C-alpha cells in the first residue's frame, strides 16, 4: 500500500511541474508582446518629428515668399511723373519773406506821431537846391533824424546850374512825381522821363543829372538819413 501511494505521488509531481511551467509561460507571454510593441512606438516618434519639421519648413517658405512679394511691390511701385511732382510743389505755399530787423543805426531811435497839412507858406527857398522850393513834412524831427521827407517845387527855367552832375551819399532816396514831369540821366541807365505818378529809387552814390522839367513840376522826396551829403562832380 505504501509503495502504491509513493508511486502515485511520483506520478503527480511531473503533472504539477507541467502546470507550473504553463502558468509561468502564460505570465511571460504578455511581457513578450509588450516588449515586441515597444519598437513600434519608437518608430512612430520619428514620423511625428518629421511632420513637425515639415510644417515649420512650409511656414518658413510662406514667410520668405511673403517677404519677397512685399519687396517686389515696393520696387515695382509706379513713380510719380515729374510733372505731378512739380504741380504738387507749386501748390505748396511760398515761404514768407522775413521782415528785416532794425539795424544799429535805426534801432532805439525815438519816434513820435507827426502830421503835416498843406500850407503854401511852408514852401521855402532855403533848401539843398537853389532852383527849388521845399516844404518840410516834419519827418526828420519826428524820427530823430532817421528820415527826411519833403515836397519839392522846381522853379523854371532849367539852366546849366541845374544840369550839374552830382551824387548823394545816402542810405535810401526815393522820389515820386506829384505834378508835371522831369527828365533825368542816371549812370548806367541813361535818360529817364518821369511824369505824374512816376516813382524811382536812386541807389546810394549813383551819379545823375537833371536835364529838364516842366514849369509845374512837383516831387515828393524821401531820404534816409535826414542829414546826408551831396557831392558835385566836374
Protein backbone atom coordinates (compact mmCIF):
# COMPACT_ATOMS: atom_id res chain seq x y z
CA UNK A 1 0.00 0.00 0.00
CA UNK A 2 2.86 2.35 0.89
CA UNK A 3 4.58 1.67 -2.35
CA UNK A 4 1.42 2.35 -4.28
CA UNK A 5 0.99 5.74 -2.59
CA UNK A 6 4.59 6.70 -3.28
CA UNK A 7 4.19 5.81 -6.92
CA UNK A 8 1.01 7.92 -7.14
CA UNK A 9 2.78 10.89 -5.65
CA UNK A 10 5.68 10.47 -8.05
CA UNK A 11 3.23 10.39 -10.94
CA UNK A 12 1.55 13.63 -9.75
CA UNK A 13 4.81 15.59 -9.47
CA UNK A 14 5.51 15.80 -13.25
CA UNK A 15 1.95 16.91 -13.83
CA UNK A 16 2.32 19.64 -11.24
CA UNK A 17 5.58 20.75 -12.77
CA UNK A 18 3.97 20.94 -16.20
CA UNK A 19 1.07 23.03 -14.83
CA UNK A 20 3.53 25.42 -13.12
CA UNK A 21 5.51 25.74 -16.34
CA UNK A 22 2.33 26.58 -18.27
CA UNK A 23 1.40 29.26 -15.72
CA UNK A 24 4.89 30.79 -15.93
CA UNK A 25 4.76 30.78 -19.74
CA UNK A 26 1.30 32.37 -19.64
CA UNK A 27 2.57 35.17 -17.36
CA UNK A 28 5.65 35.75 -19.51
CA UNK A 29 3.71 35.92 -22.77
CA UNK A 30 2.18 39.43 -22.24
CA UNK A 31 5.60 40.72 -21.36
CA UNK A 32 6.97 39.46 -24.66
CA UNK A 33 4.09 41.05 -26.54
CA UNK A 34 4.66 44.42 -24.85
CA UNK A 35 8.35 44.06 -25.47
CA UNK A 36 7.62 43.49 -29.12
CA UNK A 37 5.37 46.56 -29.27
CA UNK A 38 7.98 49.00 -27.90
CA UNK A 39 9.95 49.24 -31.17
CA UNK A 40 6.71 50.09 -32.97
CA UNK A 41 6.12 53.01 -30.57
CA UNK A 42 9.70 54.14 -31.06
CA UNK A 43 9.23 54.01 -34.81
CA UNK A 44 6.15 56.26 -34.58
CA UNK A 45 8.00 59.07 -32.76
CA UNK A 46 10.31 59.98 -35.69
CA UNK A 47 7.28 60.32 -38.01
CA UNK A 48 5.76 62.96 -35.71
CA UNK A 49 9.05 64.81 -35.62
CA UNK A 50 9.22 64.70 -39.41
CA UNK A 51 5.69 66.11 -39.62
CA UNK A 52 6.66 68.98 -37.29
CA UNK A 53 9.82 69.69 -39.29
CA UNK A 54 7.78 69.64 -42.48
CA UNK A 55 5.26 72.10 -41.08
CA UNK A 56 7.98 74.53 -39.87
CA UNK A 57 9.72 74.35 -43.24
CA UNK A 58 6.42 75.06 -45.02
CA UNK A 59 5.75 78.08 -42.77
CA UNK A 60 9.29 79.35 -43.34
CA UNK A 61 8.74 79.11 -47.12
CA UNK A 62 5.46 81.01 -46.82
CA UNK A 63 7.15 83.79 -44.79
CA UNK A 64 10.00 84.04 -47.30
CA UNK A 65 7.60 84.20 -50.25
CA UNK A 66 5.52 86.88 -48.50
CA UNK A 67 8.65 89.00 -47.88
CA UNK A 68 9.71 88.62 -51.50
CA UNK A 69 6.25 89.70 -52.67
CA UNK A 70 6.37 92.78 -50.43
CA UNK A 71 9.81 93.77 -51.72
CA UNK A 72 8.65 93.25 -55.29
CA UNK A 73 5.69 95.59 -54.74
CA UNK A 74 7.95 98.27 -53.26
CA UNK A 75 10.46 98.09 -56.07
CA UNK A 76 7.84 97.91 -58.81
CA UNK A 77 5.52 100.60 -57.43
CA UNK A 78 4.95 103.27 -60.11
CA UNK A 79 6.85 106.52 -59.53
CA UNK A 80 5.06 109.82 -59.77
CA UNK A 81 5.86 111.63 -63.03
CA UNK A 82 7.96 114.79 -62.85
CA UNK A 83 5.01 116.94 -63.95
CA UNK A 84 2.94 115.71 -60.98
CA UNK A 85 5.83 116.44 -58.61
CA UNK A 86 6.18 119.95 -59.99
CA UNK A 87 2.43 120.54 -59.73
CA UNK A 88 2.48 119.36 -56.11
CA UNK A 89 5.42 121.61 -55.36
CA UNK A 90 3.59 124.54 -56.96
CA UNK A 91 0.63 124.00 -54.64
CA UNK A 92 2.83 124.44 -51.59
CA UNK A 93 2.62 127.93 -50.12
CA UNK A 94 5.60 130.15 -50.81
CA UNK A 95 7.77 130.82 -47.78
CA UNK A 96 7.05 134.11 -46.09
CA UNK A 97 9.57 136.84 -46.60
CA UNK A 98 11.42 137.63 -43.45
CA UNK A 99 10.82 141.10 -42.06
CA UNK A 100 14.14 142.97 -41.91
CA UNK A 101 15.24 143.63 -38.39
CA UNK A 102 16.25 147.16 -37.43
CA UNK A 103 19.95 147.88 -37.80
CA UNK A 104 22.15 149.50 -35.19
CA UNK A 105 21.66 152.86 -36.94
CA UNK A 106 17.86 152.70 -36.67
CA UNK A 107 17.38 150.61 -33.53
CA UNK A 108 16.41 152.51 -30.42
CA UNK A 109 15.67 155.79 -32.25
CA UNK A 110 12.75 157.57 -30.56
CA UNK A 111 9.87 158.39 -32.91
CA UNK A 112 6.65 160.30 -32.41
CA UNK A 113 3.40 160.78 -34.28
CA UNK A 114 3.50 163.67 -36.78
CA UNK A 115 1.02 165.25 -39.22
CA UNK A 116 1.63 167.91 -41.88
CA UNK A 117 -1.17 169.63 -43.81
CA UNK A 118 -0.81 171.71 -46.95
CA UNK A 119 0.21 175.31 -46.31
CA UNK A 120 1.58 177.39 -49.18
CA UNK A 121 3.57 179.49 -46.75
CA UNK A 122 5.66 176.45 -45.85
CA UNK A 123 7.32 176.28 -49.29
CA UNK A 124 10.73 177.90 -48.79
CA UNK A 125 13.82 178.52 -50.93
CA UNK A 126 16.36 177.66 -48.21
CA UNK A 127 16.77 174.00 -49.17
CA UNK A 128 19.51 171.99 -50.92
CA UNK A 129 18.80 173.28 -54.43
CA UNK A 130 18.65 176.99 -55.19
CA UNK A 131 16.34 176.29 -58.13
CA UNK A 132 13.68 174.64 -55.95
CA UNK A 133 11.29 175.40 -53.10
CA UNK A 134 10.87 172.88 -50.26
CA UNK A 135 8.01 172.07 -47.94
CA UNK A 136 9.33 170.14 -44.94
CA UNK A 137 6.85 167.47 -43.74
CA UNK A 138 8.30 167.28 -40.22
CA UNK A 139 9.51 163.68 -40.56
CA UNK A 140 13.12 164.45 -39.64
CA UNK A 141 12.11 165.81 -36.23
CA UNK A 142 9.57 163.02 -35.65
CA UNK A 143 12.17 160.29 -36.34
CA UNK A 144 15.10 161.94 -34.52
CA UNK A 145 16.97 162.38 -37.81
CA UNK A 146 16.31 158.86 -39.11
CA UNK A 147 14.41 160.02 -42.23
CA UNK A 148 13.70 163.20 -44.15
CA UNK A 149 10.61 163.84 -46.32
CA UNK A 150 9.69 166.98 -48.23
CA UNK A 151 7.73 168.23 -51.24
CA UNK A 152 9.87 169.91 -53.91
CA UNK A 153 8.65 172.51 -56.44
CA UNK A 154 11.19 173.02 -59.18
CA UNK A 155 11.46 176.66 -60.28
CA UNK A 156 11.73 177.25 -64.05
CA UNK A 157 13.65 177.65 -66.22
CA UNK A 158 16.05 174.69 -66.15
CA UNK A 159 19.54 176.26 -66.51
CA UNK A 160 23.09 174.93 -66.69
CA UNK A 161 23.30 175.43 -62.93
CA UNK A 162 20.58 172.83 -62.58
CA UNK A 163 22.29 170.43 -65.01
CA UNK A 164 25.44 169.94 -62.93
CA UNK A 165 26.27 166.26 -62.47
CA UNK A 166 26.22 165.15 -58.81
CA UNK A 167 25.60 162.30 -56.37
CA UNK A 168 24.11 161.90 -52.89
CA UNK A 169 25.69 159.93 -50.04
CA UNK A 170 22.53 158.38 -48.60
CA UNK A 171 21.20 155.04 -47.35
CA UNK A 172 17.94 155.44 -49.27
CA UNK A 173 16.50 158.02 -51.67
CA UNK A 174 13.06 157.71 -53.27
CA UNK A 175 11.28 160.30 -55.45
CA UNK A 176 7.61 160.38 -56.54
CA UNK A 177 6.25 162.82 -59.18
CA UNK A 178 3.15 164.63 -57.87
CA UNK A 179 2.72 167.05 -60.82
CA UNK A 180 4.26 167.77 -64.20
CA UNK A 181 7.33 165.93 -65.43
CA UNK A 182 11.11 165.81 -65.01
CA UNK A 183 13.82 164.40 -67.26
CA UNK A 184 16.95 162.90 -65.67
CA UNK A 185 20.02 160.94 -66.73
CA UNK A 186 21.39 158.17 -64.48
CA UNK A 187 24.76 156.47 -64.72
CA UNK A 188 24.30 153.05 -66.31
CA UNK A 189 20.59 153.68 -67.07
CA UNK A 190 20.62 156.61 -69.50
CA UNK A 191 17.90 159.26 -69.82
CA UNK A 192 14.64 158.71 -67.97
CA UNK A 193 11.42 160.69 -68.45
CA UNK A 194 9.38 160.78 -65.23
CA UNK A 195 5.81 162.12 -65.38
CA UNK A 196 2.98 162.45 -62.85
CA UNK A 197 2.65 159.17 -60.94
CA UNK A 198 6.20 158.01 -61.74
CA UNK A 199 8.42 156.84 -58.88
CA UNK A 200 12.08 155.89 -58.76
CA UNK A 201 14.72 154.82 -56.29
CA UNK A 202 18.22 156.24 -56.50
CA UNK A 203 20.81 153.83 -55.11
CA UNK A 204 23.38 155.42 -52.79
CA UNK A 205 26.12 157.24 -54.70
CA UNK A 206 24.60 156.87 -58.18
CA UNK A 207 25.76 159.70 -60.50
CA UNK A 208 22.92 161.59 -62.15
CA UNK A 209 21.93 164.86 -63.84
CA UNK A 210 18.69 166.83 -64.01
CA UNK A 211 18.21 167.61 -67.71
CA UNK A 212 14.86 169.41 -67.80
CA UNK A 213 11.48 169.74 -66.08
CA UNK A 214 8.04 171.31 -66.57
CA UNK A 215 7.03 174.64 -65.04
CA UNK A 216 4.61 172.89 -62.66
CA UNK A 217 6.91 170.05 -61.64
CA UNK A 218 6.29 168.94 -58.06
CA UNK A 219 8.07 166.00 -56.39
CA UNK A 220 7.89 164.07 -53.12
CA UNK A 221 11.34 163.07 -51.90
CA UNK A 222 12.14 160.68 -49.01
CA UNK A 223 15.75 160.32 -47.87
CA UNK A 224 17.48 158.19 -45.21
CA UNK A 225 19.16 159.53 -43.15
CA UNK A 226 17.80 163.05 -42.75
CA UNK A 227 21.30 164.52 -42.76
CA UNK A 228 23.20 163.49 -45.89
CA UNK A 229 25.92 164.85 -48.15
CA UNK A 230 25.71 165.95 -51.81
CA UNK A 231 28.84 165.85 -53.96
CA UNK A 232 29.04 167.87 -57.20
CA UNK A 233 31.12 166.31 -59.98
CA UNK A 234 33.22 168.13 -62.54
